[in-house]
Amino acid sequence: MIMPIKEELESQFLNGEKFYMCVEDAVIDNRLSYMESIMHVCDSKGIDPEDLVKLKLVSPILKCKLEEESIALGLLKETSKLPF
């Protein structure tokens, strides 16, 4: 009986992995960009987007995908990459 209560409590708390999965689901289900999906998830969860770093919700994978999207949109300059 204690186990389901623990799992329910853990499911209510958001961590970097759960936040990433919510964002990824929004990208796939709603056909949004990662930036739009992050704003959508923040709005639905009642999180101020400025608090994402403070709350440690931006995983390295999400950061990489955001960087790639920003470079593709011309919002960031492309850094030099190795030729392989």
PDB file of N, CA and C in Angstrom:
ATOM      1  N   MET A   1       0.814  -1.193   0.000  1.00  0.00           N
ATOM      2  CA  MET A   1       0.000   0.000   0.000  1.00  0.00           C
ATOM      3  C   MET A   1       0.859   1.260   0.000  1.00  0.00           C
ATOM      4  N   ILE A   2       2.013   1.193   0.627  1.00  0.00           N
ATOM      5  CA  ILE A   2       2.896   2.358   0.676  1.00  0.00           C
ATOM      6  C   ILE A   2       3.482   2.653  -0.697  1.00  0.00           C
ATOM      7  N   MET A   3       3.782   1.642  -1.479  1.00  0.00           N
ATOM      8  CA  MET A   3       4.415   1.824  -2.770  1.00  0.00           C
ATOM      9  C   MET A   3       3.585   2.683  -3.727  1.00  0.00           C
ATOM     10  N   PRO A   4       2.276   2.419  -3.920  1.00  0.00           N
ATOM     11  CA  PRO A   4       1.503   3.286  -4.818  1.00  0.00           C
ATOM     12  C   PRO A   4       1.471   4.737  -4.368  1.00  0.00           C
ATOM     13  N   ILE A   5       1.430   4.985  -3.083  1.00  0.00           N
ATOM     14  CA  ILE A   5       1.432   6.359  -2.575  1.00  0.00           C
ATOM     15  C   ILE A   5       2.755   7.028  -2.915  1.00  0.00           C
ATOM     16  N   LYS A   6       3.856   6.315  -2.746  1.00  0.00           N
ATOM     17  CA  LYS A   6       5.171   6.863  -3.068  1.00  0.00           C
ATOM     18  C   LYS A   6       5.266   7.188  -4.558  1.00  0.00           C
ATOM     19  N   GLU A   7       4.819   6.272  -5.404  1.00  0.00           N
ATOM     20  CA  GLU A   7       4.860   6.498  -6.847  1.00  0.00           C
ATOM     21  C   GLU A   7       3.983   7.673  -7.248  1.00  0.00           C
ATOM     22  N   GLU A   8       2.827   7.807  -6.597  1.00  0.00           N
ATOM     23  CA  GLU A   8       1.931   8.927  -6.890  1.00  0.00           C
ATOM     24  C   GLU A   8       2.583  10.251  -6.511  1.00  0.00           C
ATOM     25  N   LEU A   9       3.226  10.274  -5.359  1.00  0.00           N
ATOM     26  CA  LEU A   9       3.912  11.503  -4.933  1.00  0.00           C
ATOM     27  C   LEU A   9       5.058  11.848  -5.870  1.00  0.00           C
ATOM     28  N   GLU A  10       5.842  10.842  -6.263  1.00  0.00           N
ATOM     29  CA  GLU A  10       6.957  11.094  -7.162  1.00  0.00           C
ATOM     30  C   GLU A  10       6.480  11.580  -8.524  1.00  0.00           C
ATOM     31  N   SER A  11       5.322  11.085  -8.970  1.00  0.00           N
ATOM     32  CA  SER A  11       4.818  11.503 -10.274  1.00  0.00           C
ATOM     33  C   SER A  11       4.354  12.955 -10.268  1.00  0.00           C
ATOM     34  N   GLN A  12       4.033  13.486  -9.100  1.00  0.00           N
ATOM     35  CA  GLN A  12       3.583  14.870  -9.003  1.00  0.00           C
ATOM     36  C   GLN A  12       4.744  15.855  -9.092  1.00  0.00           C
ATOM     37  N   PHE A  13       5.941  15.425  -8.731  1.00  0.00           N
ATOM     38  CA  PHE A  13       7.093  16.306  -8.741  1.00  0.00           C
ATOM     39  C   PHE A  13       7.781  16.254 -10.093  1.00  0.00           C
ATOM     40  N   LEU A  14       8.158  17.417 -10.574  1.00  0.00           N
ATOM     41  CA  LEU A  14       8.767  17.529 -11.891  1.00  0.00           C
ATOM     42  C   LEU A  14      10.281  17.593 -11.756  1.00  0.00           C
ATOM     43  N   ASN A  15      10.973  16.781 -12.523  1.00  0.00           N
ATOM     44  CA  ASN A  15      12.429  16.857 -12.573  1.00  0.00           C
ATOM     45  C   ASN A  15      12.839  17.049 -14.033  1.00  0.00           C
ATOM     46  N   GLY A  16      14.114  17.127 -14.290  1.00  0.00           N
ATOM     47  CA  GLY A  16      14.601  17.388 -15.634  1.00  0.00           C
ATOM     48  C   GLY A  16      14.156  16.361 -16.650  1.00  0.00           C
ATOM     49  N   GLU A  17      14.160  15.094 -16.269  1.00  0.00           N
ATOM     50  CA  GLU A  17      13.775  14.026 -17.196  1.00  0.00           C
ATOM     51  C   GLU A  17      12.281  14.095 -17.513  1.00  0.00           C
ATOM     52  N   LYS A  18      11.456  14.307 -16.493  1.00  0.00           N
ATOM     53  CA  LYS A  18      10.011  14.398 -16.717  1.00  0.00           C
ATOM     54  C   LYS A  18       9.667  15.639 -17.540  1.00  0.00           C
ATOM     55  N   PHE A  19      10.370  16.742 -17.264  1.00  0.00           N
ATOM     56  CA  PHE A  19      10.133  17.964 -18.023  1.00  0.00           C
ATOM     57  C   PHE A  19      10.493  17.739 -19.493  1.00  0.00           C
ATOM     58  N   TYR A  20      11.626  17.089 -19.741  1.00  0.00           N
ATOM     59  CA  TYR A  20      12.044  16.794 -21.106  1.00  0.00           C
ATOM     60  C   TYR A  20      11.007  15.927 -21.819  1.00  0.00           C
ATOM     61  N   MET A  21      10.480  14.909 -21.132  1.00  0.00           N
ATOM     62  CA  MET A  21       9.486  14.041 -21.739  1.00  0.00           C
ATOM     63  C   MET A  21       8.202  14.812 -22.061  1.00  0.00           C
ATOM     64  N   CYS A  22       7.794  15.736 -21.192  1.00  0.00           N
ATOM     65  CA  CYS A  22       6.619  16.566 -21.460  1.00  0.00           C
ATOM     66  C   CYS A  22       6.851  17.435 -22.696  1.00  0.00           C
ATOM     67  N   VAL A  23       8.051  18.005 -22.792  1.00  0.00           N
ATOM     68  CA  VAL A  23       8.391  18.847 -23.944  1.00  0.00           C
ATOM     69  C   VAL A  23       8.418  18.007 -25.216  1.00  0.00           C
ATOM     70  N   GLU A  24       9.038  16.848 -25.159  1.00  0.00           N
ATOM     71  CA  GLU A  24       9.131  15.967 -26.321  1.00  0.00           C
ATOM     72  C   GLU A  24       7.737  15.527 -26.776  1.00  0.00           C
ATOM     73  N   ASP A  25       6.867  15.217 -25.826  1.00  0.00           N
ATOM     74  CA  ASP A  25       5.489  14.848 -26.172  1.00  0.00           C
ATOM     75  C   ASP A  25       4.773  16.006 -26.860  1.00  0.00           C
ATOM     76  N   ALA A  26       4.987  17.221 -26.373  1.00  0.00           N
ATOM     77  CA  ALA A  26       4.356  18.399 -26.983  1.00  0.00           C
ATOM     78  C   ALA A  26       4.885  18.627 -28.401  1.00  0.00           C
ATOM     79  N   VAL A  27       6.161  18.364 -28.619  1.00  0.00           N
ATOM     80  CA  VAL A  27       6.748  18.507 -29.962  1.00  0.00           C
ATOM     81  C   VAL A  27       6.081  17.529 -30.923  1.00  0.00           C
ATOM     82  N   ILE A  28       5.933  16.292 -30.481  1.00  0.00           N
ATOM     83  CA  ILE A  28       5.368  15.254 -31.347  1.00  0.00           C
ATOM     84  C   ILE A  28       3.855  15.422 -31.514  1.00  0.00           C
ATOM     85  N   ASP A  29       3.138  15.576 -30.408  1.00  0.00           N
ATOM     86  CA  ASP A  29       1.672  15.624 -30.458  1.00  0.00           C
ATOM     87  C   ASP A  29       1.140  16.895 -31.100  1.00  0.00           C
ATOM     88  N   ASN A  30       1.743  18.030 -30.775  1.00  0.00           N
ATOM     89  CA  ASN A  30       1.217  19.317 -31.243  1.00  0.00           C
ATOM     90  C   ASN A  30       1.989  19.901 -32.414  1.00  0.00           C
ATOM     91  N   ARG A  31       3.038  19.186 -32.847  1.00  0.00           N
ATOM     92  CA  ARG A  31       3.886  19.660 -33.951  1.00  0.00           C
ATOM     93  C   ARG A  31       4.404  21.078 -33.690  1.00  0.00           C
ATOM     94  N   LEU A  32       4.938  21.266 -32.504  1.00  0.00           N
ATOM     95  CA  LEU A  32       5.508  22.552 -32.107  1.00  0.00           C
ATOM     96  C   LEU A  32       7.022  22.468 -32.151  1.00  0.00           C
ATOM     97  N   SER A  33       7.667  23.633 -32.213  1.00  0.00           N
ATOM     98  CA  SER A  33       9.119  23.662 -32.082  1.00  0.00           C
ATOM     99  C   SER A  33       9.463  23.420 -30.612  1.00  0.00           C
ATOM    100  N   TYR A  34      10.732  23.186 -30.343  1.00  0.00           N
ATOM    101  CA  TYR A  34      11.129  22.956 -28.953  1.00  0.00           C
ATOM    102  C   TYR A  34      10.894  24.210 -28.105  1.00  0.00           C
ATOM    103  N   MET A  35      11.168  25.368 -28.657  1.00  0.00           N
ATOM    104  CA  MET A  35      10.935  26.603 -27.910  1.00  0.00           C
ATOM    105  C   MET A  35       9.454  26.775 -27.577  1.00  0.00           C
ATOM    106  N   GLU A  36       8.607  26.539 -28.572  1.00  0.00           N
ATOM    107  CA  GLU A  36       7.162  26.652 -28.346  1.00  0.00           C
ATOM    108  C   GLU A  36       6.685  25.587 -27.352  1.00  0.00           C
ATOM    109  N   SER A  37       7.234  24.396 -27.445  1.00  0.00           N
ATOM    110  CA  SER A  37       6.842  23.315 -26.547  1.00  0.00           C
ATOM    111  C   SER A  37       7.232  23.616 -25.107  1.00  0.00           C
ATOM    112  N   ILE A  38       8.408  24.181 -24.921  1.00  0.00           N
ATOM    113  CA  ILE A  38       8.847  24.545 -23.575  1.00  0.00           C
ATOM    114  C   ILE A  38       7.890  25.579 -22.984  1.00  0.00           C
ATOM    115  N   MET A  39       7.520  26.572 -23.781  1.00  0.00           N
ATOM    116  CA  MET A  39       6.587  27.591 -23.296  1.00  0.00           C
ATOM    117  C   MET A  39       5.221  26.970 -22.996  1.00  0.00           C
ATOM    118  N   HIS A  40       4.785  26.036 -23.838  1.00  0.00           N
ATOM    119  CA  HIS A  40       3.508  25.355 -23.637  1.00  0.00           C
ATOM    120  C   HIS A  40       3.514  24.562 -22.326  1.00  0.00           C
ATOM    121  N   VAL A  41       4.574  23.793 -22.096  1.00  0.00           N
ATOM    122  CA  VAL A  41       4.675  22.985 -20.879  1.00  0.00           C
ATOM    123  C   VAL A  41       4.774  23.887 -19.652  1.00  0.00           C
ATOM    124  N   CYS A  42       5.557  24.955 -19.738  1.00  0.00           N
ATOM    125  CA  CYS A  42       5.663  25.884 -18.614  1.00  0.00           C
ATOM    126  C   CYS A  42       4.298  26.480 -18.279  1.00  0.00           C
ATOM    127  N   ASP A  43       3.560  26.854 -19.313  1.00  0.00           N
ATOM    128  CA  ASP A  43       2.238  27.431 -19.101  1.00  0.00           C
ATOM    129  C   ASP A  43       1.292  26.410 -18.472  1.00  0.00           C
ATOM    130  N   SER A  44       1.312  25.185 -18.966  1.00  0.00           N
ATOM    131  CA  SER A  44       0.395  24.162 -18.439  1.00  0.00           C
ATOM    132  C   SER A  44       0.758  23.718 -17.025  1.00  0.00           C
ATOM    133  N   LYS A  45       2.045  23.786 -16.666  1.00  0.00           N
ATOM    134  CA  LYS A  45       2.484  23.368 -15.330  1.00  0.00           C
ATOM    135  C   LYS A  45       2.583  24.541 -14.348  1.00  0.00           C
ATOM    136  N   GLY A  46       2.352  25.763 -14.844  1.00  0.00           N
ATOM    137  CA  GLY A  46       2.427  26.935 -13.974  1.00  0.00           C
ATOM    138  C   GLY A  46       3.848  27.297 -13.565  1.00  0.00           C
ATOM    139  N   ILE A  47       4.795  27.082 -14.470  1.00  0.00           N
ATOM    140  CA  ILE A  47       6.209  27.365 -14.196  1.00  0.00           C
ATOM    141  C   ILE A  47       6.613  28.623 -14.956  1.00  0.00           C
ATOM    142  N   ASP A  48       7.309  29.523 -14.278  1.00  0.00           N
ATOM    143  CA  ASP A  48       7.849  30.704 -14.943  1.00  0.00           C
ATOM    144  C   ASP A  48       9.055  30.247 -15.774  1.00  0.00           C
ATOM    145  N   PRO A  49       9.076  30.514 -17.085  1.00  0.00           N
ATOM    146  CA  PRO A  49      10.197  30.068 -17.929  1.00  0.00           C
ATOM    147  C   PRO A  49      11.561  30.551 -17.433  1.00  0.00           C
ATOM    148  N   GLU A  50      11.596  31.674 -16.742  1.00  0.00           N
ATOM    149  CA  GLU A  50      12.864  32.172 -16.213  1.00  0.00           C
ATOM    150  C   GLU A  50      13.399  31.292 -15.085  1.00  0.00           C
ATOM    151  N   ASP A  51      12.546  30.475 -14.497  1.00  0.00           N
ATOM    152  CA  ASP A  51      12.950  29.613 -13.390  1.00  0.00           C
ATOM    153  C   ASP A  51      13.428  28.235 -13.834  1.00  0.00           C
ATOM    154  N   LEU A  52      13.439  27.958 -15.125  1.00  0.00           N
ATOM    155  CA  LEU A  52      13.821  26.624 -15.599  1.00  0.00           C
ATOM    156  C   LEU A  52      15.232  26.239 -15.187  1.00  0.00           C
ATOM    157  N   VAL A  53      16.163  27.162 -15.299  1.00  0.00           N
ATOM    158  CA  VAL A  53      17.558  26.857 -14.933  1.00  0.00           C
ATOM    159  C   VAL A  53      17.683  26.724 -13.419  1.00  0.00           C
ATOM    160  N   LYS A  54      17.023  27.626 -12.709  1.00  0.00           N
ATOM    161  CA  LYS A  54      17.076  27.595 -11.249  1.00  0.00           C
ATOM    162  C   LYS A  54      16.507  26.282 -10.709  1.00  0.00           C
ATOM    163  N   LEU A  55      15.450  25.775 -11.343  1.00  0.00           N
ATOM    164  CA  LEU A  55      14.824  24.530 -10.922  1.00  0.00           C
ATOM    165  C   LEU A  55      15.509  23.295 -11.498  1.00  0.00           C
ATOM    166  N   LYS A  56      16.538  23.520 -12.308  1.00  0.00           N
ATOM    167  CA  LYS A  56      17.320  22.447 -12.940  1.00  0.00           C
ATOM    168  C   LYS A  56      16.433  21.526 -13.780  1.00  0.00           C
ATOM    169  N   LEU A  57      15.573  22.137 -14.597  1.00  0.00           N
ATOM    170  CA  LEU A  57      14.671  21.365 -15.442  1.00  0.00           C
ATOM    171  C   LEU A  57      15.163  21.226 -16.879  1.00  0.00           C
ATOM    172  N   VAL A  58      16.236  21.917 -17.233  1.00  0.00           N
ATOM    173  CA  VAL A  58      16.755  21.842 -18.595  1.00  0.00           C
ATOM    174  C   VAL A  58      17.838  20.767 -18.633  1.00  0.00           C
ATOM    175  N   SER A  59      17.492  19.635 -19.227  1.00  0.00           N
ATOM    176  CA  SER A  59      18.444  18.527 -19.323  1.00  0.00           C
ATOM    177  C   SER A  59      19.448  18.826 -20.432  1.00  0.00           C
ATOM    178  N   PRO A  60      20.603  18.162 -20.421  1.00  0.00           N
ATOM    179  CA  PRO A  60      21.588  18.378 -21.489  1.00  0.00           C
ATOM    180  C   PRO A  60      21.033  18.059 -22.881  1.00  0.00           C
ATOM    181  N   ILE A  61      20.174  17.058 -22.974  1.00  0.00           N
ATOM    182  CA  ILE A  61      19.590  16.705 -24.267  1.00  0.00           C
ATOM    183  C   ILE A  61      18.696  17.833 -24.766  1.00  0.00           C
ATOM    184  N   LEU A  62      17.863  18.370 -23.877  1.00  0.00           N
ATOM    185  CA  LEU A  62      16.969  19.463 -24.257  1.00  0.00           C
ATOM    186  C   LEU A  62      17.777  20.704 -24.630  1.00  0.00           C
ATOM    187  N   LYS A  63      18.835  20.962 -23.897  1.00  0.00           N
ATOM    188  CA  LYS A  63      19.694  22.111 -24.201  1.00  0.00           C
ATOM    189  C   LYS A  63      20.306  21.965 -25.595  1.00  0.00           C
ATOM    190  N   CYS A  64      20.748  20.774 -25.937  1.00  0.00           N
ATOM    191  CA  CYS A  64      21.345  20.517 -27.252  1.00  0.00           C
ATOM    192  C   CYS A  64      20.315  20.706 -28.360  1.00  0.00           C
ATOM    193  N   LYS A  65      19.111  20.197 -28.160  1.00  0.00           N
ATOM    194  CA  LYS A  65      18.061  20.333 -29.169  1.00  0.00           C
ATOM    195  C   LYS A  65      17.655  21.797 -29.344  1.00  0.00           C
ATOM    196  N   LEU A  66      17.613  22.539 -28.258  1.00  0.00           N
ATOM    197  CA  LEU A  66      17.307  23.971 -28.331  1.00  0.00           C
ATOM    198  C   LEU A  66      18.393  24.714 -29.094  1.00  0.00           C
ATOM    199  N   GLU A  67      19.636  24.356 -28.830  1.00  0.00           N
ATOM    200  CA  GLU A  67      20.756  24.998 -29.515  1.00  0.00           C
ATOM    201  C   GLU A  67      20.701  24.717 -31.017  1.00  0.00           C
ATOM    202  N   GLU A  68      20.454  23.470 -31.393  1.00  0.00           N
ATOM    203  CA  GLU A  68      20.357  23.111 -32.809  1.00  0.00           C
ATOM    204  C   GLU A  68      19.215  23.857 -33.500  1.00  0.00           C
ATOM    205  N   GLU A  69      18.075  23.948 -32.819  1.00  0.00           N
ATOM    206  CA  GLU A  69      16.930  24.656 -33.378  1.00  0.00           C
ATOM    207  C   GLU A  69      17.228  26.145 -33.525  1.00  0.00           C
ATOM    208  N   SER A  70      17.892  26.723 -32.537  1.00  0.00           N
ATOM    209  CA  SER A  70      18.236  28.145 -32.583  1.00  0.00           C
ATOM    210  C   SER A  70      19.222  28.451 -33.699  1.00  0.00           C
ATOM    211  N   ILE A  71      20.174  27.573 -33.926  1.00  0.00           N
ATOM    212  CA  ILE A  71      21.136  27.747 -35.017  1.00  0.00           C
ATOM    213  C   ILE A  71      20.412  27.654 -36.359  1.00  0.00           C
ATOM    214  N   ALA A  72      19.510  26.671 -36.491  1.00  0.00           N
ATOM    215  CA  ALA A  72      18.763  26.505 -37.741  1.00  0.00           C
ATOM    216  C   ALA A  72      17.888  27.722 -38.042  1.00  0.00           C
ATOM    217  N   LEU A  73      17.377  28.375 -36.993  1.00  0.00           N
ATOM    218  CA  LEU A  73      16.538  29.559 -37.174  1.00  0.00           C
ATOM    219  C   LEU A  73      17.348  30.851 -37.297  1.00  0.00           C
ATOM    220  N   GLY A  74      18.664  30.738 -37.142  1.00  0.00           N
ATOM    221  CA  GLY A  74      19.523  31.909 -37.246  1.00  0.00           C
ATOM    222  C   GLY A  74      19.551  32.770 -35.998  1.00  0.00           C
ATOM    223  N   LEU A  75      19.107  32.212 -34.869  1.00  0.00           N
ATOM    224  CA  LEU A  75      19.101  32.962 -33.613  1.00  0.00           C
ATOM    225  C   LEU A  75      20.442  32.882 -32.898  1.00  0.00           C
ATOM    226  N   LEU A  76      21.209  31.840 -33.176  1.00  0.00           N
ATOM    227  CA  LEU A  76      22.552  31.666 -32.628  1.00  0.00           C
ATOM    228  C   LEU A  76      23.514  31.445 -33.782  1.00  0.00           C
ATOM    229  N   LYS A  77      24.751  31.883 -33.584  1.00  0.00           N
ATOM    230  CA  LYS A  77      25.773  31.612 -34.595  1.00  0.00           C
ATOM    231  C   LYS A  77      26.250  30.181 -34.429  1.00  0.00           C
ATOM    232  N   GLU A  78      26.498  29.551 -35.562  1.00  0.00           N
ATOM    233  CA  GLU A  78      26.962  28.180 -35.541  1.00  0.00           C
ATOM    234  C   GLU A  78      28.408  28.155 -35.071  1.00  0.00           C
ATOM    235  N   THR A  79      28.692  27.287 -34.133  1.00  0.00           N
ATOM    236  CA  THR A  79      30.058  27.136 -33.642  1.00  0.00           C
ATOM    237  C   THR A  79      30.781  26.177 -34.561  1.00  0.00           C
ATOM    238  N   SER A  80      32.087  26.246 -34.533  1.00  0.00           N
ATOM    239  CA  SER A  80      32.857  25.354 -35.390  1.00  0.00           C
ATOM    240  C   SER A  80      32.683  23.916 -34.920  1.00  0.00           C
ATOM    241  N   LYS A  81      32.603  23.003 -35.881  1.00  0.00           N
ATOM    242  CA  LYS A  81      32.421  21.597 -35.592  1.00  0.00           C
ATOM    243  C   LYS A  81      33.539  20.802 -36.232  1.00  0.00           C
ATOM    244  N   LEU A  82      33.819  19.663 -35.654  1.00  0.00           N
ATOM    245  CA  LEU A  82      34.828  18.794 -36.224  1.00  0.00           C
ATOM    246  C   LEU A  82      34.290  18.197 -37.526  1.00  0.00           C
ATOM    247  N   PRO A  83      35.172  17.917 -38.499  1.00  0.00           N
ATOM    248  CA  PRO A  83      34.706  17.461 -39.820  1.00  0.00           C
ATOM    249  C   PRO A  83      34.190  16.027 -39.852  1.00  0.00           C
ATOM    250  N   PHE A  84      34.083  15.356 -38.746  1.00  0.00           N
ATOM    251  CA  PHE A  84      33.559  13.973 -38.767  1.00  0.00           C
ATOM    252  C   PHE A  84      32.369  13.825 -37.889  1.00  0.00           C
TER     253      PHE A  84
END
